[in-house]
C-alpha atoms as a PDB file:
ATOM      1  CA  MET A   1      80.513  48.691  39.605  1.00  0.00           C
ATOM      2  CA  SER A   2      82.966  46.921  41.711  1.00  0.00           C
ATOM      3  CA  ASP A   3      82.650  43.582  43.297  1.00  0.00           C
ATOM      4  CA  ASN A   4      83.333  43.232  47.046  1.00  0.00           C
ATOM      5  CA  ASN A   5      85.827  40.496  46.304  1.00  0.00           C
ATOM      6  CA  GLU A   6      87.897  42.726  44.106  1.00  0.00           C
ATOM      7  CA  GLN A   7      91.150  43.974  45.497  1.00  0.00           C
ATOM      8  CA  ASP A   8      91.931  47.655  45.891  1.00  0.00           C
ATOM      9  CA  ALA A   9      94.215  48.850  43.068  1.00  0.00           C
ATOM     10  CA  ARG A  10      96.058  51.276  45.331  1.00  0.00           C
ATOM     11  CA  PRO A  11      99.491  50.404  46.717  1.00  0.00           C
ATOM     12  CA  ALA A  12      99.588  48.835  50.199  1.00  0.00           C
ATOM     13  CA  SER A  13     101.154  51.903  51.838  1.00  0.00           C
ATOM     14  CA  ILE A  14      98.277  54.129  50.709  1.00  0.00           C
ATOM     15  CA  ARG A  15      95.584  51.549  51.413  1.00  0.00           C
ATOM     16  CA  SER A  16      96.604  51.192  55.105  1.00  0.00           C
ATOM     17  CA  THR A  17      96.618  54.918  55.819  1.00  0.00           C
ATOM     18  CA  SER A  18      93.465  56.750  56.475  1.00  0.00           C
ATOM     19  CA  LEU A  19      92.629  60.179  57.863  1.00  0.00           C
ATOM     20  CA  ARG A  20      90.379  58.814  60.577  1.00  0.00           C
ATOM     21  CA  PRO A  21      93.043  57.156  62.803  1.00  0.00           C
ATOM     22  CA  SER A  22      95.272  60.261  62.525  1.00  0.00           C
ATOM     23  CA  VAL A  23      92.508  62.588  63.749  1.00  0.00           C
ATOM     24  CA  SER A  24      91.581  60.119  66.499  1.00  0.00           C
ATOM     25  CA  PHE A  25      95.202  59.901  67.642  1.00  0.00           C
ATOM     26  CA  HIS A  26      95.555  63.701  67.851  1.00  0.00           C
ATOM     27  CA  LEU A  27      92.276  64.065  69.749  1.00  0.00           C
ATOM     28  CA  THR A  28      93.322  61.355  72.213  1.00  0.00           C
ATOM     29  CA  SER A  29      96.707  63.001  72.704  1.00  0.00           C
ATOM     30  CA  LEU A  30      95.042  66.370  73.310  1.00  0.00           C
ATOM     31  CA  ILE A  31      92.637  64.923  75.882  1.00  0.00           C
ATOM     32  CA  THR A  32      95.486  63.090  77.649  1.00  0.00           C
ATOM     33  CA  ALA A  33      97.604  66.248  77.792  1.00  0.00           C
ATOM     34  CA  ALA A  34      94.697  68.305  79.158  1.00  0.00           C
ATOM     35  CA  ALA A  35      93.937  65.667  81.806  1.00  0.00           C
ATOM     36  CA  PHE A  36      97.629  65.605  82.816  1.00  0.00           C
ATOM     37  CA  ILE A  37      97.746  69.434  83.174  1.00  0.00           C
ATOM     38  CA  ILE A  38      94.536  69.395  85.263  1.00  0.00           C
ATOM     39  CA  LEU A  39      95.990  66.669  87.496  1.00  0.00           C
ATOM     40  CA  ILE A  40      99.164  68.734  88.019  1.00  0.00           C
ATOM     41  CA  ALA A  41      97.090  71.826  88.881  1.00  0.00           C
ATOM     42  CA  ILE A  42      94.962  69.931  91.410  1.00  0.00           C
ATOM     43  CA  SER A  43      98.051  68.414  92.999  1.00  0.00           C
ATOM     44  CA  PHE A  44      99.733  71.818  93.289  1.00  0.00           C
ATOM     45  CA  TYR A  45      96.623  73.337  94.837  1.00  0.00           C
ATOM     46  CA  ALA A  46      96.246  70.461  97.333  1.00  0.00           C
ATOM     47  CA  GLY A  47      99.915  70.811  98.285  1.00  0.00           C
ATOM     48  CA  THR A  48      99.622  74.533  98.968  1.00  0.00           C
ATOM     49  CA  VAL A  49      96.451  74.062 101.033  1.00  0.00           C
ATOM     50  CA  TYR A  50      98.171  71.344 103.075  1.00  0.00           C
ATOM     51  CA  GLU A  51     101.303  73.458 103.689  1.00  0.00           C
ATOM     52  CA  SER A  52      99.314  76.527 104.720  1.00  0.00           C
ATOM     53  CA  SER A  53      97.212  74.515 107.167  1.00  0.00           C
ATOM     54  CA  LYS A  54     100.364  72.966 108.573  1.00  0.00           C
ATOM     55  CA  GLN A  55     101.952  76.425 108.984  1.00  0.00           C
ATOM     56  CA  ARG A  56      98.851  77.769 110.728  1.00  0.00           C
ATOM     57  CA  HIS A  57      98.875  74.854 113.151  1.00  0.00           C
ATOM     58  CA  LEU A  58     102.598  75.249 113.866  1.00  0.00           C
ATOM     59  CA  SER A  59     102.315  78.976 114.450  1.00  0.00           C
ATOM     60  CA  LEU A  60      99.556  78.452 117.000  1.00  0.00           C
ATOM     61  CA  THR A  61     101.331  75.774 119.044  1.00  0.00           C
ATOM     62  CA  PRO A  62     105.083  76.004 118.709  1.00  0.00           C
ATOM     63  CA  ALA A  63     106.948  73.284 120.613  1.00  0.00           C
ATOM     64  CA  LYS A  64     108.725  75.797 122.837  1.00  0.00           C
ATOM     65  CA  VAL A  65     105.488  77.342 124.104  1.00  0.00           C
ATOM     66  CA  LEU A  66     103.918  73.999 124.977  1.00  0.00           C
ATOM     67  CA  ASN A  67     106.297  73.540 127.913  1.00  0.00           C
ATOM     68  CA  ARG A  68     105.815  77.065 129.316  1.00  0.00           C
ATOM     69  CA  HIS A  69     103.525  78.031 132.135  1.00  0.00           C
ATOM     70  CA  PHE A  70     101.357  81.103 132.228  1.00  0.00           C
ATOM     71  CA  ALA A  71      99.878  83.218 134.991  1.00  0.00           C
ATOM     72  CA  PHE A  72      96.891  85.505 134.501  1.00  0.00           C
ATOM     73  CA  GLY A  73      95.434  87.826 137.080  1.00  0.00           C
ATOM     74  CA  MET A  74      95.043  91.268 138.622  1.00  0.00           C
ATOM     75  CA  VAL A  75      98.142  93.079 139.855  1.00  0.00           C
ATOM     76  CA  VAL A  76      98.048  93.473 143.649  1.00  0.00           C
ATOM     77  CA  PHE A  77     101.515  94.812 144.408  1.00  0.00           C
ATOM     78  CA  VAL A  78     104.601  95.834 142.413  1.00  0.00           C
ATOM     79  CA  SER A  79     108.128  96.047 143.954  1.00  0.00           C
ATOM     80  CA  GLN A  80     111.545  96.665 142.402  1.00  0.00           C
ATOM     81  CA  ASN A  81     112.087  93.037 141.391  1.00  0.00           C
ATOM     82  CA  SER A  82     108.749  91.256 141.763  1.00  0.00           C
ATOM     83  CA  ILE A  83     105.060  91.490 141.050  1.00  0.00           C
ATOM     84  CA  THR A  84     102.207  89.980 143.062  1.00  0.00           C
ATOM     85  CA  ILE A  85      99.001  89.007 141.251  1.00  0.00           C
ATOM     86  CA  ASP A  86      95.718  87.472 142.257  1.00  0.00           C
ATOM     87  CA  ASN A  87      95.679  84.461 140.003  1.00  0.00           C
ATOM     88  CA  THR A  88      92.230  84.123 138.416  1.00  0.00           C
ATOM     89  CA  ARG A  89      92.739  80.432 137.710  1.00  0.00           C
ATOM     90  CA  THR A  90      93.645  79.310 141.206  1.00  0.00           C
ATOM     91  CA  GLY A  91      92.004  82.106 143.217  1.00  0.00           C
ATOM     92  CA  SER A  92      95.232  82.679 145.192  1.00  0.00           C
ATOM     93  CA  SER A  93      97.946  85.298 145.219  1.00  0.00           C
ATOM     94  CA  GLN A  94     101.176  84.566 143.420  1.00  0.00           C
ATOM     95  CA  LEU A  95     104.556  86.321 143.854  1.00  0.00           C
ATOM     96  CA  ILE A  96     106.511  86.371 140.587  1.00  0.00           C
ATOM     97  CA  SER A  97     110.148  87.440 140.313  1.00  0.00           C
ATOM     98  CA  ILE A  98     111.182  89.883 137.587  1.00  0.00           C
ATOM     99  CA  THR A  99     114.725  89.384 136.257  1.00  0.00           C
ATOM    100  CA  LYS A 100     116.989  91.445 134.003  1.00  0.00           C
ATOM    101  CA  THR A 101     115.896  89.345 131.016  1.00  0.00           C
ATOM    102  CA  THR A 102     112.145  89.697 131.634  1.00  0.00           C
ATOM    103  CA  LEU A 103     110.394  91.518 128.771  1.00  0.00           C
ATOM    104  CA  ILE A 104     107.659  93.911 129.898  1.00  0.00           C
ATOM    105  CA  SER A 105     105.008  95.371 127.611  1.00  0.00           C
ATOM    106  CA  VAL A 106     102.220  97.816 128.490  1.00  0.00           C
ATOM    107  CA  ASP A 107      99.578  98.255 125.780  1.00  0.00           C
ATOM    108  CA  GLY A 108     101.918  96.823 123.148  1.00  0.00           C
ATOM    109  CA  GLN A 109     104.843  99.159 123.949  1.00  0.00           C
ATOM    110  CA  PRO A 110     108.063  98.214 125.793  1.00  0.00           C
ATOM    111  CA  ALA A 111     107.851  99.331 129.402  1.00  0.00           C
ATOM    112  CA  SER A 112     109.499  99.072 132.798  1.00  0.00           C
ATOM    113  CA  LEU A 113     108.174  97.408 135.923  1.00  0.00           C
ATOM    114  CA  SER A 114     107.421 100.803 137.501  1.00  0.00           C
ATOM    115  CA  GLN A 115     104.791 101.491 134.788  1.00  0.00           C
ATOM    116  CA  ILE A 116     102.632  98.598 135.987  1.00  0.00           C
ATOM    117  CA  LYS A 117     100.010  99.663 138.540  1.00  0.00           C
ATOM    118  CA  ALA A 118      97.888  97.756 141.034  1.00  0.00           C
ATOM    119  CA  GLY A 119      94.477  96.832 139.629  1.00  0.00           C
ATOM    120  CA  GLU A 120      95.681  96.183 136.089  1.00  0.00           C
ATOM    121  CA  ILE A 121      95.161  92.768 134.518  1.00  0.00           C
ATOM    122  CA  THR A 122      98.303  91.000 133.364  1.00  0.00           C
ATOM    123  CA  LEU A 123      99.281  87.900 131.447  1.00  0.00           C
ATOM    124  CA  ILE A 124     102.685  86.480 132.398  1.00  0.00           C
ATOM    125  CA  ARG A 125     104.640  83.775 130.593  1.00  0.00           C
ATOM    126  CA  MET A 126     106.874  82.055 133.124  1.00  0.00           C
ATOM    127  CA  ALA A 127     110.524  81.252 132.409  1.00  0.00           C
ATOM    128  CA  ASN A 128     110.486  78.745 135.282  1.00  0.00           C
ATOM    129  CA  LYS A 129     108.409  78.151 138.391  1.00  0.00           C
ATOM    130  CA  ASN A 130     109.166  81.549 140.005  1.00  0.00           C
ATOM    131  CA  ASP A 131     110.604  83.870 137.311  1.00  0.00           C
ATOM    132  CA  ALA A 132     108.720  85.735 134.609  1.00  0.00           C
ATOM    133  CA  ALA A 133     109.938  85.657 131.004  1.00  0.00           C
ATOM    134  CA  VAL A 134     107.322  88.028 129.576  1.00  0.00           C
ATOM    135  CA  VAL A 135     104.852  90.337 131.339  1.00  0.00           C
ATOM    136  CA  LEU A 136     101.993  91.705 129.252  1.00  0.00           C
ATOM    137  CA  VAL A 137      99.669  94.396 130.521  1.00  0.00           C
ATOM    138  CA  ASN A 138      96.905  95.501 128.189  1.00  0.00           C
ATOM    139  CA  SER A 139      93.933  97.736 128.908  1.00  0.00           C
ATOM    140  CA  LYS A 140      91.852  95.427 126.696  1.00  0.00           C
ATOM    141  CA  PHE A 141      92.284  92.605 129.294  1.00  0.00           C
ATOM    142  CA  THR A 142      89.897  94.500 131.592  1.00  0.00           C
ATOM    143  CA  ASP A 143      86.218  94.854 130.819  1.00  0.00           C
END
């Protein structure tokens, strides 16, 4: 039978230590470490999602393409150094010069101007107001 007013006979260093604070400290450390790892994982995932969305946006609208003009229409006439199309946007005919640097593609394959025939639908990226940079003819353009 001990009285509540009696002092503990153990030394002070033993009296102050207890198993409970040690277990609590380890549990708190473990929870903190887990929360930190989860935060890092969420941050990494958010960063990759942001970068991939930024890349998608940049690939769809590169700065160089924004200043280019396009022509789309049916080929009316082809000569040695030009092509005439009926422009579907404006409803008028347009004479476009073909230079040595113009890239021509028919159904995804490199081609020459002589392979383009009247009646085919073409998409042309203009190098400037009169000259074509790229001429694309694809059978899928027509219905």
